[in-house]
Protein backbone atom coordinates (compact mmCIF):
# COMPACT_ATOMS: atom_id res chain seq x y z
CA MET A 1 14.73 -26.75 -33.78
CA LYS A 2 11.77 -28.41 -34.81
CA PRO A 3 11.87 -32.41 -34.73
CA ARG A 4 12.28 -33.93 -38.40
CA LEU A 5 8.92 -35.46 -39.33
CA GLU A 6 10.11 -36.06 -42.82
CA PHE A 7 11.57 -39.65 -41.67
CA PHE A 8 8.62 -41.15 -40.98
CA GLY A 9 6.97 -39.81 -44.55
CA PRO A 10 7.66 -42.82 -46.74
CA LEU A 11 6.75 -45.60 -43.69
CA LEU A 12 3.44 -43.80 -43.13
CA LEU A 13 2.61 -43.20 -46.44
CA LEU A 14 2.66 -47.12 -46.62
CA ILE A 15 0.75 -47.85 -43.62
CA ALA A 16 -2.02 -45.58 -44.83
CA ALA A 17 -2.43 -46.96 -48.46
CA GLN A 18 -4.42 -49.82 -46.92
CA ALA A 19 -7.56 -50.13 -48.29
CA ILE A 20 -10.21 -48.13 -47.22
CA PRO A 21 -14.03 -49.10 -47.26
CA ALA A 22 -16.09 -48.73 -50.71
CA LEU A 23 -17.72 -45.70 -50.49
CA ALA A 24 -21.38 -45.49 -50.47
CA ALA A 25 -23.98 -42.27 -51.56
CA GLY A 26 -25.76 -41.00 -48.40
CA GLY A 27 -26.17 -37.48 -48.99
CA LEU A 28 -23.19 -36.17 -46.69
CA ARG A 29 -21.09 -32.88 -47.52
CA ALA A 30 -17.92 -31.66 -45.53
CA GLY A 31 -14.97 -28.91 -45.78
CA ALA A 32 -12.05 -28.06 -43.76
CA ALA A 33 -9.67 -25.58 -43.57
CA MET A 34 -7.35 -23.98 -40.63
CA VAL A 35 -6.24 -20.34 -40.18
CA GLU A 36 -2.96 -19.48 -38.53
CA ILE A 37 -3.69 -17.93 -35.19
CA THR A 38 0.22 -17.30 -33.78
CA PRO A 39 0.82 -14.59 -31.43
CA GLU A 40 3.06 -11.96 -31.62
CA LEU A 41 6.54 -12.20 -29.54
CA GLY A 42 6.34 -11.45 -26.52
CA VAL A 43 2.71 -11.90 -25.68
CA PRO A 44 2.54 -13.46 -21.99
CA MET A 45 2.54 -16.99 -22.06
CA ALA A 46 -0.97 -19.14 -20.49
CA GLY A 47 -0.54 -22.31 -18.38
CA TYR A 48 1.63 -21.37 -15.34
CA TYR A 49 1.25 -19.12 -12.10
CA HIS A 50 4.43 -17.45 -12.94
CA ALA A 51 4.73 -15.19 -16.03
CA ARG A 52 6.77 -15.59 -19.20
CA GLY A 53 6.80 -13.77 -22.33
CA ALA A 54 7.30 -15.72 -25.64
CA SER A 55 10.54 -15.38 -27.18
CA ALA A 56 10.54 -17.46 -30.30
CA VAL A 57 7.53 -19.78 -32.26
CA HIS A 58 9.40 -23.38 -32.57
CA ASP A 59 5.36 -24.26 -34.55
CA ASP A 60 2.62 -21.95 -35.79
CA LEU A 61 -0.76 -22.24 -33.55
CA TYR A 62 -4.26 -22.65 -35.84
CA ALA A 63 -7.83 -22.88 -35.58
CA ARG A 64 -8.59 -25.90 -37.45
CA ALA A 65 -12.43 -26.05 -38.67
CA LEU A 66 -14.75 -28.60 -40.03
CA VAL A 67 -17.82 -28.31 -41.35
CA ILE A 68 -20.47 -30.71 -42.03
CA GLU A 69 -23.71 -30.73 -43.88
CA ARG A 70 -26.48 -33.36 -44.23
CA ASN A 71 -30.23 -32.89 -45.40
CA GLY A 72 -30.42 -28.82 -44.67
CA ILE A 73 -28.36 -29.43 -41.26
CA THR A 74 -25.08 -27.69 -40.73
CA VAL A 75 -22.63 -28.25 -38.03
CA ALA A 76 -19.04 -26.38 -37.33
CA MET A 77 -16.47 -27.81 -35.20
CA VAL A 78 -12.97 -25.87 -34.60
CA THR A 79 -10.36 -26.54 -32.59
CA LEU A 80 -7.83 -23.75 -31.15
CA ASP A 81 -4.18 -24.47 -30.19
CA LEU A 82 -4.74 -22.72 -26.82
CA ILE A 83 -4.97 -23.55 -23.35
CA SER A 84 -8.65 -22.88 -22.88
CA THR A 85 -11.99 -21.46 -24.61
CA ARG A 86 -13.56 -18.09 -23.18
CA ARG A 87 -17.50 -17.73 -23.90
CA GLY A 88 -16.80 -14.13 -24.91
CA PHE A 89 -14.48 -14.76 -27.92
CA VAL A 90 -16.61 -17.83 -28.47
CA GLU A 91 -20.05 -16.28 -28.91
CA GLU A 92 -18.30 -13.46 -30.64
CA ALA A 93 -17.17 -15.54 -33.23
CA ARG A 94 -20.02 -17.87 -33.39
CA ALA A 95 -22.45 -14.72 -34.09
CA LEU A 96 -19.65 -14.10 -36.87
CA VAL A 97 -20.23 -17.57 -38.30
CA GLU A 98 -24.03 -17.61 -37.99
CA GLU A 99 -24.26 -14.10 -39.77
CA ARG A 100 -21.75 -14.65 -42.71
CA MET A 101 -22.55 -18.68 -43.15
CA GLY A 102 -26.01 -19.29 -41.68
CA ILE A 103 -24.77 -21.75 -39.42
CA PRO A 104 -26.76 -21.37 -35.69
CA ARG A 105 -24.78 -20.73 -33.41
CA ALA A 106 -25.57 -23.75 -31.14
CA HIS A 107 -24.54 -25.49 -33.95
CA VAL A 108 -20.97 -24.25 -33.76
CA MET A 109 -18.26 -26.20 -31.29
CA ILE A 110 -15.42 -24.26 -30.27
CA SER A 111 -12.60 -26.65 -27.97
CA ALA A 112 -9.01 -25.65 -27.10
CA THR A 113 -6.23 -28.19 -26.95
CA HIS A 114 -4.87 -27.31 -23.68
CA ALA A 115 -1.38 -26.27 -25.18
CA HIS A 116 0.47 -24.46 -21.93
CA THR A 117 2.35 -22.96 -24.77
CA GLY A 118 0.00 -20.58 -26.12
CA PRO A 119 -0.87 -16.67 -25.43
CA VAL A 120 -2.56 -16.06 -22.38
CA LEU A 121 -6.06 -15.67 -23.14
CA THR A 122 -6.80 -12.07 -21.84
CA ARG A 123 -10.38 -10.72 -20.83
CA ILE A 124 -11.16 -7.85 -22.49
CA PRO A 125 -12.56 -5.67 -20.75
CA GLN A 126 -10.19 -6.57 -17.74
CA PRO A 127 -12.49 -7.79 -15.03
CA ALA A 128 -12.14 -5.40 -11.33
CA HIS A 129 -9.79 -8.10 -9.91
CA ALA A 130 -7.46 -8.36 -12.81
CA ARG A 131 -3.33 -9.25 -11.51
CA ASP A 132 -1.79 -8.14 -14.24
CA GLU A 133 -2.05 -6.15 -16.68
CA PRO A 134 -2.29 -7.17 -20.21
CA ASN A 135 0.28 -5.87 -22.66
CA GLU A 136 -0.48 -4.91 -26.44
CA ALA A 137 0.23 -8.05 -28.08
CA ALA A 138 -2.21 -9.76 -25.66
CA LEU A 139 -4.95 -7.28 -26.31
CA ALA A 140 -4.19 -7.65 -30.11
CA PHE A 141 -4.05 -11.70 -30.19
CA MET A 142 -7.74 -11.42 -28.29
CA ARG A 143 -9.38 -8.65 -30.39
CA GLY A 144 -8.05 -10.54 -33.60
CA LEU A 145 -9.15 -14.58 -32.66
CA PRO A 146 -13.33 -14.41 -33.37
CA GLU A 147 -12.61 -12.87 -37.03
CA LYS A 148 -9.61 -15.76 -36.98
CA ILE A 149 -11.88 -18.45 -35.75
CA ALA A 150 -14.98 -17.27 -38.14
CA GLN A 151 -12.70 -17.70 -41.44
CA SER A 152 -11.53 -21.15 -40.48
CA VAL A 153 -15.11 -21.78 -40.61
CA ALA A 154 -15.41 -19.73 -43.90
CA ASN A 155 -12.94 -21.56 -45.70
CA ALA A 156 -13.86 -24.57 -44.55
CA HIS A 157 -17.96 -23.83 -45.90
CA ALA A 158 -16.44 -23.07 -49.24
CA ALA A 159 -14.72 -26.41 -49.34
CA LEU A 160 -17.90 -28.23 -48.87
CA VAL A 161 -18.02 -31.51 -51.16
CA ASP A 162 -20.05 -34.46 -51.62
CA ALA A 163 -17.89 -36.88 -48.51
CA GLU A 164 -18.19 -39.65 -46.87
CA ALA A 165 -17.42 -40.29 -43.00
CA LEU A 166 -15.47 -43.45 -41.96
CA ALA A 167 -14.71 -43.75 -38.22
CA ALA A 168 -13.18 -46.63 -35.98
CA THR A 169 -11.34 -46.44 -32.37
CA GLY A 170 -7.79 -47.13 -31.68
CA GLU A 171 -6.21 -47.62 -27.89
CA GLU A 172 -2.99 -46.29 -26.68
CA SER A 173 -2.07 -46.87 -22.62
CA SER A 174 1.42 -46.24 -22.87
CA ILE A 175 1.34 -41.97 -22.89
CA ALA A 176 -1.07 -41.12 -20.25
CA PHE A 177 -1.18 -41.65 -16.93
CA ASN A 178 -3.27 -40.42 -13.35
CA ARG A 179 -1.65 -37.93 -11.76
CA ARG A 180 -3.55 -38.18 -8.34
CA PHE A 181 -1.68 -40.74 -6.36
CA HIS A 182 -2.89 -42.36 -3.19
CA MET A 183 0.33 -42.22 -0.78
CA ARG A 184 1.64 -43.94 2.16
CA ASP A 185 0.46 -41.42 4.73
CA GLY A 186 -2.99 -42.00 3.54
CA SER A 187 -3.12 -38.82 1.96
CA VAL A 188 -4.03 -38.01 -1.88
CA GLY A 189 -1.30 -36.62 -4.10
CA TRP A 190 -0.53 -34.84 -7.24
CA ASN A 191 2.56 -34.97 -9.16
CA PRO A 192 4.16 -36.58 -6.38
CA GLY A 193 7.30 -37.00 -8.55
CA LYS A 194 9.42 -39.70 -10.09
CA LEU A 195 10.31 -42.39 -8.29
CA ASN A 196 9.15 -41.68 -5.56
CA PRO A 197 8.74 -44.34 -2.78
CA ASN A 198 5.93 -42.96 -0.64
CA ILE A 199 3.52 -43.27 -3.88
CA LEU A 200 1.22 -46.53 -3.20
CA LYS A 201 -0.74 -46.41 -6.57
CA PRO A 202 -2.70 -43.77 -8.65
CA ALA A 203 -5.80 -42.74 -7.46
CA GLY A 204 -8.28 -43.22 -10.64
CA PRO A 205 -7.98 -44.91 -14.03
CA ILE A 206 -7.33 -43.62 -17.31
CA ASP A 207 -8.41 -43.47 -21.08
CA PRO A 208 -7.04 -45.19 -23.61
CA GLU A 209 -9.86 -44.88 -26.39
CA VAL A 210 -8.25 -43.53 -29.62
CA PRO A 211 -11.61 -42.57 -31.39
CA PHE A 212 -11.25 -40.77 -34.69
CA VAL A 213 -13.75 -40.06 -37.68
CA PHE A 214 -12.05 -39.22 -40.77
CA PHE A 215 -13.83 -37.67 -43.77
CA GLN A 216 -13.09 -37.97 -47.82
CA ASP A 217 -14.23 -36.46 -51.01
CA ALA A 218 -16.76 -39.16 -52.02
CA VAL A 219 -15.81 -38.56 -55.60
CA ARG A 220 -12.39 -38.09 -55.89
CA GLU A 221 -11.11 -39.86 -52.37
CA ARG A 222 -9.61 -37.17 -51.52
CA PRO A 223 -8.98 -36.11 -48.19
CA LEU A 224 -10.92 -33.55 -46.48
CA GLY A 225 -10.31 -33.71 -42.65
CA ILE A 226 -10.07 -36.14 -39.58
CA CYS A 227 -10.80 -35.85 -35.57
CA VAL A 228 -8.31 -36.96 -33.35
CA ASN A 229 -9.80 -37.52 -29.59
CA TYR A 230 -7.45 -38.57 -26.74
CA ALA A 231 -7.30 -38.00 -23.09
CA VAL A 232 -4.12 -36.54 -21.87
CA HIS A 233 -3.12 -33.03 -20.71
CA LEU A 234 -0.60 -31.04 -23.04
CA ASP A 235 2.23 -29.61 -21.00
CA ASN A 236 5.38 -31.53 -22.56
CA VAL A 237 6.83 -29.02 -23.67
CA GLY A 238 7.09 -25.87 -21.00
CA GLY A 239 9.86 -23.38 -21.66
CA ASP A 240 8.97 -20.06 -24.00
CA GLU A 241 8.50 -20.70 -27.46
CA ILE A 242 5.20 -20.92 -29.06
CA SER A 243 4.44 -24.59 -29.55
CA ALA A 244 0.96 -27.24 -30.69
CA ASP A 245 2.27 -29.35 -28.30
CA LEU A 246 2.68 -33.23 -29.33
CA PRO A 247 -1.22 -32.32 -31.60
CA TYR A 248 1.78 -30.45 -33.69
CA THR A 249 3.59 -33.95 -34.38
CA VAL A 250 0.34 -35.49 -34.75
CA THR A 251 -1.10 -33.27 -37.21
CA GLU A 252 2.57 -33.39 -39.59
CA LEU A 253 2.69 -37.08 -39.75
CA LEU A 254 -0.99 -37.91 -40.65
CA ARG A 255 -0.84 -35.37 -42.98
CA GLN A 256 2.93 -36.92 -44.59
CA ALA A 257 0.62 -39.99 -44.12
CA ILE A 258 -2.75 -39.74 -45.45
CA GLY A 259 -2.21 -36.53 -47.96
CA GLU A 260 -1.18 -32.57 -47.94
CA ASP A 261 -4.79 -30.92 -48.02
CA LEU A 262 -5.87 -33.06 -44.78
CA VAL A 263 -6.66 -30.96 -42.00
CA THR A 264 -6.20 -32.44 -38.26
CA LEU A 265 -8.47 -31.48 -35.49
CA TYR A 266 -7.18 -32.60 -32.17
CA THR A 267 -9.49 -32.68 -29.59
CA SER A 268 -8.96 -32.98 -25.45
CA GLY A 269 -10.76 -35.57 -24.14
CA ALA A 270 -11.56 -35.72 -20.33
CA CYS A 271 -8.18 -35.45 -18.60
CA GLY A 272 -8.73 -33.16 -15.78
CA ASP A 273 -6.49 -35.33 -13.33
CA LEU A 274 -4.59 -36.96 -16.56
CA ASN A 275 -0.75 -36.04 -17.47
CA HIS A 276 2.47 -37.88 -19.26
CA VAL A 277 4.60 -38.15 -16.64
CA ASP A 278 5.33 -41.97 -15.80
CA VAL A 279 6.05 -41.87 -12.30
CA THR A 280 7.83 -45.06 -13.13
CA TRP A 281 10.47 -43.83 -15.32
CA LYS A 282 13.49 -42.21 -14.36
CA THR A 283 14.18 -40.27 -17.62
CA ARG A 284 12.87 -36.61 -17.52
CA GLN A 285 9.84 -35.92 -19.46
CA LYS A 286 10.01 -32.84 -20.80
CA GLY A 287 10.52 -30.20 -23.96
CA HIS A 288 9.40 -30.77 -27.91
CA GLU A 289 11.62 -34.11 -28.05
CA ASN A 290 9.09 -35.52 -25.52
CA ALA A 291 6.08 -34.03 -27.25
CA ALA A 292 7.26 -35.14 -30.85
CA ARG A 293 7.76 -38.61 -29.13
CA MET A 294 4.28 -38.95 -27.70
CA GLY A 295 2.60 -37.35 -30.81
CA THR A 296 4.16 -40.08 -33.00
CA ILE A 297 2.72 -42.75 -31.09
CA LEU A 298 -0.55 -41.45 -31.35
CA ALA A 299 -0.46 -41.03 -35.06
CA ALA A 300 1.03 -44.33 -35.01
CA GLU A 301 -2.18 -45.90 -33.39
CA VAL A 302 -4.79 -43.76 -36.11
CA LEU A 303 -2.39 -45.33 -38.79
CA LYS A 304 -2.66 -48.74 -37.51
CA THR A 305 -5.92 -48.63 -36.58
CA TRP A 306 -6.57 -47.44 -39.95
CA PRO A 307 -8.35 -51.15 -42.00
CA LYS A 308 -11.00 -50.91 -38.74
CA LEU A 309 -12.36 -47.42 -40.31
CA GLU A 310 -15.81 -48.28 -40.74
CA ILE A 311 -18.59 -45.82 -42.77
CA VAL A 312 -20.66 -43.66 -40.72
CA ASP A 313 -24.46 -42.35 -41.93
CA GLY A 314 -27.37 -40.62 -40.87
CA LEU A 315 -29.05 -37.89 -39.02
CA LEU A 316 -26.82 -35.28 -38.34
CA GLN A 317 -27.56 -32.91 -35.43
CA ALA A 318 -26.79 -30.83 -32.86
CA LYS A 319 -28.24 -29.87 -29.23
CA SER A 320 -27.42 -28.02 -26.49
CA GLN A 321 -28.48 -26.84 -23.20
CA ARG A 322 -27.29 -24.69 -20.58
CA VAL A 323 -26.52 -25.94 -17.18
CA LYS A 324 -26.28 -23.75 -13.78
CA LEU A 325 -23.23 -24.85 -11.66
CA SER A 326 -22.91 -23.43 -7.90
CA ILE A 327 -20.22 -22.03 -6.84
CA PRO A 328 -18.74 -22.29 -3.59
CA GLU A 329 -18.61 -19.26 -0.98
CA VAL A 330 -15.81 -17.36 0.58
CA SER A 331 -15.77 -14.39 3.27
CA ALA A 332 -14.41 -11.35 3.26
CA THR A 333 -11.99 -12.26 5.11
CA ALA A 334 -10.37 -14.61 2.92
CA VAL A 335 -10.52 -12.61 -0.07
CA GLU A 336 -8.62 -10.04 1.43
CA ARG A 337 -5.90 -12.47 2.35
CA ALA A 338 -5.99 -13.86 -1.11
CA LYS A 339 -5.06 -10.12 -2.50
CA GLU A 340 -2.14 -10.49 -0.14
CA ILE A 341 -1.35 -13.54 -1.23
CA VAL A 342 -1.17 -12.75 -4.57
CA ARG A 343 0.92 -9.30 -4.46
CA THR A 344 3.77 -11.30 -2.42
CA THR A 345 4.08 -14.90 -2.79
CA ASN A 346 5.65 -16.46 -5.52
CA ASP A 347 5.32 -20.58 -5.99
CA ARG A 348 8.82 -21.99 -5.31
CA THR A 349 7.54 -24.65 -2.87
CA ARG A 350 5.20 -26.99 -2.97
CA SER A 351 2.93 -25.12 0.29
CA SER A 352 3.47 -21.52 -1.66
CA PHE A 353 2.18 -23.11 -5.15
CA MET A 354 -1.19 -24.85 -3.45
CA GLN A 355 -1.52 -20.91 -1.78
CA LEU A 356 -1.76 -19.19 -5.06
CA VAL A 357 -3.36 -21.77 -6.36
CA ASN A 358 -6.22 -20.86 -3.79
CA ALA A 359 -5.96 -17.15 -3.43
CA HIS A 360 -6.46 -17.40 -7.41
CA LYS A 361 -9.81 -19.40 -7.33
CA THR A 362 -10.83 -17.09 -3.91
CA LEU A 363 -10.56 -13.46 -6.17
CA ASP A 364 -12.18 -15.70 -9.12
CA VAL A 365 -14.89 -17.00 -7.66
CA ALA A 366 -15.54 -13.77 -5.23
CA ALA A 367 -15.12 -11.85 -8.07
CA ARG A 368 -19.01 -13.35 -9.45
CA GLU A 369 -20.70 -12.30 -6.41
CA GLY A 370 -22.82 -15.33 -5.89
CA GLU A 371 -23.64 -15.71 -9.35
CA PRO A 372 -23.17 -19.42 -10.60
CA PHE A 373 -21.72 -20.64 -13.32
CA ASP A 374 -24.04 -20.96 -16.23
CA VAL A 375 -22.42 -23.10 -19.16
CA GLU A 376 -23.06 -25.03 -22.39
CA VAL A 377 -23.52 -28.82 -22.89
CA GLN A 378 -23.36 -29.54 -26.67
CA VAL A 379 -23.63 -32.63 -28.81
CA MET A 380 -23.57 -33.40 -32.42
CA THR A 381 -24.41 -36.77 -33.87
CA LEU A 382 -24.46 -38.05 -37.18
CA GLY A 383 -26.48 -41.48 -37.15
CA ASP A 384 -26.74 -44.09 -34.34
CA SER A 385 -23.27 -44.81 -33.95
CA LEU A 386 -21.52 -41.24 -33.62
CA ALA A 387 -20.88 -38.70 -31.29
CA TRP A 388 -19.17 -35.95 -29.91
CA VAL A 389 -20.02 -34.12 -26.51
CA ALA A 390 -18.60 -30.91 -25.24
CA LEU A 391 -18.25 -29.50 -21.92
CA PRO A 392 -16.43 -26.53 -20.35
CA GLY A 393 -13.75 -27.22 -18.51
CA GLU A 394 -10.83 -29.69 -17.36
CA ILE A 395 -13.04 -32.34 -16.65
CA PHE A 396 -11.82 -35.61 -14.51
CA VAL A 397 -11.29 -38.47 -16.69
CA GLU A 398 -13.46 -41.26 -14.57
CA LEU A 399 -16.77 -38.39 -15.57
CA GLY A 400 -15.82 -39.03 -19.52
CA LEU A 401 -15.22 -42.99 -19.14
CA ASP A 402 -19.22 -42.72 -17.38
CA LEU A 403 -20.41 -40.94 -19.88
CA LYS A 404 -18.88 -42.98 -22.34
CA MET A 405 -20.35 -45.88 -20.49
CA ALA A 406 -23.74 -44.63 -20.79
CA SER A 407 -23.93 -43.23 -24.12
CA PRO A 408 -26.35 -45.10 -26.29
CA PHE A 409 -23.94 -44.67 -29.13
CA GLY A 410 -21.08 -47.07 -29.49
CA GLN A 411 -18.60 -44.41 -30.38
CA THR A 412 -18.46 -40.97 -28.23
CA MET A 413 -15.89 -38.51 -28.10
CA VAL A 414 -15.55 -36.43 -24.61
CA VAL A 415 -13.86 -32.78 -25.74
CA GLU A 416 -13.03 -30.95 -22.71
CA LEU A 417 -12.75 -27.10 -22.72
CA ALA A 418 -15.04 -26.43 -25.78
CA ASN A 419 -17.20 -23.22 -25.73
CA ASP A 420 -16.22 -22.64 -22.42
CA SER A 421 -13.94 -22.61 -19.80
CA ILE A 422 -15.08 -23.17 -15.58
CA GLY A 423 -11.37 -24.65 -14.57
CA TYR A 424 -11.17 -27.85 -12.83
CA VAL A 425 -14.34 -30.13 -12.77
CA PRO A 426 -13.39 -33.59 -9.99
CA THR A 427 -15.45 -36.53 -9.67
CA SER A 428 -17.47 -35.61 -6.15
CA ARG A 429 -15.21 -38.49 -4.48
CA ALA A 430 -11.54 -36.48 -5.47
CA TYR A 431 -13.54 -33.58 -3.60
CA ARG A 432 -12.85 -35.58 -0.47
CA GLN A 433 -9.44 -36.35 -1.51
CA GLY A 434 -8.43 -32.85 -1.86
CA ALA A 435 -4.94 -31.84 -3.46
CA TYR A 436 -4.19 -29.72 -6.56
CA GLU A 437 -7.24 -29.81 -8.98
CA VAL A 438 -9.56 -29.48 -6.27
CA VAL A 439 -8.36 -27.08 -4.41
CA SER A 440 -8.36 -25.09 -7.74
CA ALA A 441 -11.56 -25.64 -8.38
CA ARG A 442 -14.36 -23.09 -9.43
CA CYS A 443 -17.80 -25.36 -8.83
CA VAL A 444 -18.60 -26.98 -5.91
CA ARG A 445 -18.84 -30.87 -5.59
CA GLY A 446 -21.20 -32.40 -7.65
CA SER A 447 -20.63 -30.30 -10.75
CA GLY A 448 -19.55 -32.90 -13.06
CA GLU A 449 -21.71 -35.49 -12.00
CA GLN A 450 -24.31 -32.37 -13.70
CA LEU A 451 -22.48 -32.23 -16.38
CA VAL A 452 -22.57 -36.26 -17.34
CA GLU A 453 -26.17 -36.31 -16.47
CA ALA A 454 -27.09 -33.13 -18.89
CA ALA A 455 -25.02 -34.84 -21.84
CA LEU A 456 -26.98 -38.15 -21.43
CA GLU A 457 -30.15 -36.66 -21.46
CA LEU A 458 -28.94 -35.09 -25.09
CA LEU A 459 -27.26 -38.07 -26.31
CA GLU A 460 -30.77 -40.11 -25.58
CA ALA A 461 -32.40 -37.85 -27.33
CA SER A 462 -30.83 -37.74 -29.80
CA PHE A 463 -30.01 -41.53 -30.88
CA ALA A 464 -33.87 -41.61 -30.15
CA GLU A 465 -34.15 -39.08 -33.26
CA SER A 466 -31.89 -41.29 -35.10
CA SER A 467 -33.17 -44.60 -34.63
CA LYS A 468 -36.63 -43.38 -35.96
CA SER A 469 -34.88 -41.66 -39.21
């Protein structure tokens, strides 16, 4: 059963009715749209190392698109209620967008929310080392995904109107937690369990910022779209029901509060080492109820911060850069051992789970035959105060914080799992500490810092050009 969200409507309308800053002509146009991408039942579900198929739909999954245009420059942002992105379907969708709307491929940002209750993203064609044969539902989903992404952008592009952009940043520190901990035995643990007496302290921070950008019709003051960014791992729900997790509640509550036509683009900040589990609270935190609780808190923070919205205007830019990231070396012996582990091991214990994690990583790395990752770092900016940074993986929070701190833009939103995904991207310090994310990482130590450096180069170049205009 879906959470009853109707109760919040009158209260949220009252909150959102507070005055928005007066509009000013700026030559900006914007349009937003959404296209359903819910797969067929029976599709294999993503997120875990054991198989499960979708038995029901709790709430539909969407591709949500925002198109922004100013002075002949057009950019498109798309968020997907999916576990991740893959370069293959991203590039296919971008090609369709460029062909039909004339928006350059490099001006299209496609990211995933990292919901663990959506379909497995089957590669087409399957790689030689694939462990499972995909079913027809999975193949059909992947075949149709690029077209649906392109259609969401086409619908948003067709809806372009004179618009105003307004931005603000809230703060919410009660629903995100670093999931790596210094333990009494000197190790760094991962998800060590609630009320574990061996926990000393978190091994890293969180990012409490809730930056958001609101776009509205400049003539009719009609809401168009809102980009909300927050750093927390989306693994609330579990089970075998398809769901967008907490963005479902965020989307529904903001729509009720701000306007029925509002399209909410939820993007995940740098949260590779964060989750929703408060280890000091004994209550179980799982299921649709916890997703609704967290989504309500996050939506309320956006609405509470609403009076702080300020107009953003200026030069619209999109820049990107390819970065090569090295991969670890794996021996032929390790590959054969990994194949055996994948064939025979389940994940019922912590030790067997970590064996599986390492085995899957080994097979994926071996399949690259020494070829480094060739990834994209992308930056979109508006004026000299607003920036989006798209990074291709599950980025550790400290990398995102470093990027924000060094960015010349007042509000910088770090969007992970954008345009591709190479898995976990830990900090250099975390590589020395080990634990799950490091064992799983397909890239070598220092890769995260390479991505940050490339992003800062793009941000500084964009800021310089914006300051001149």
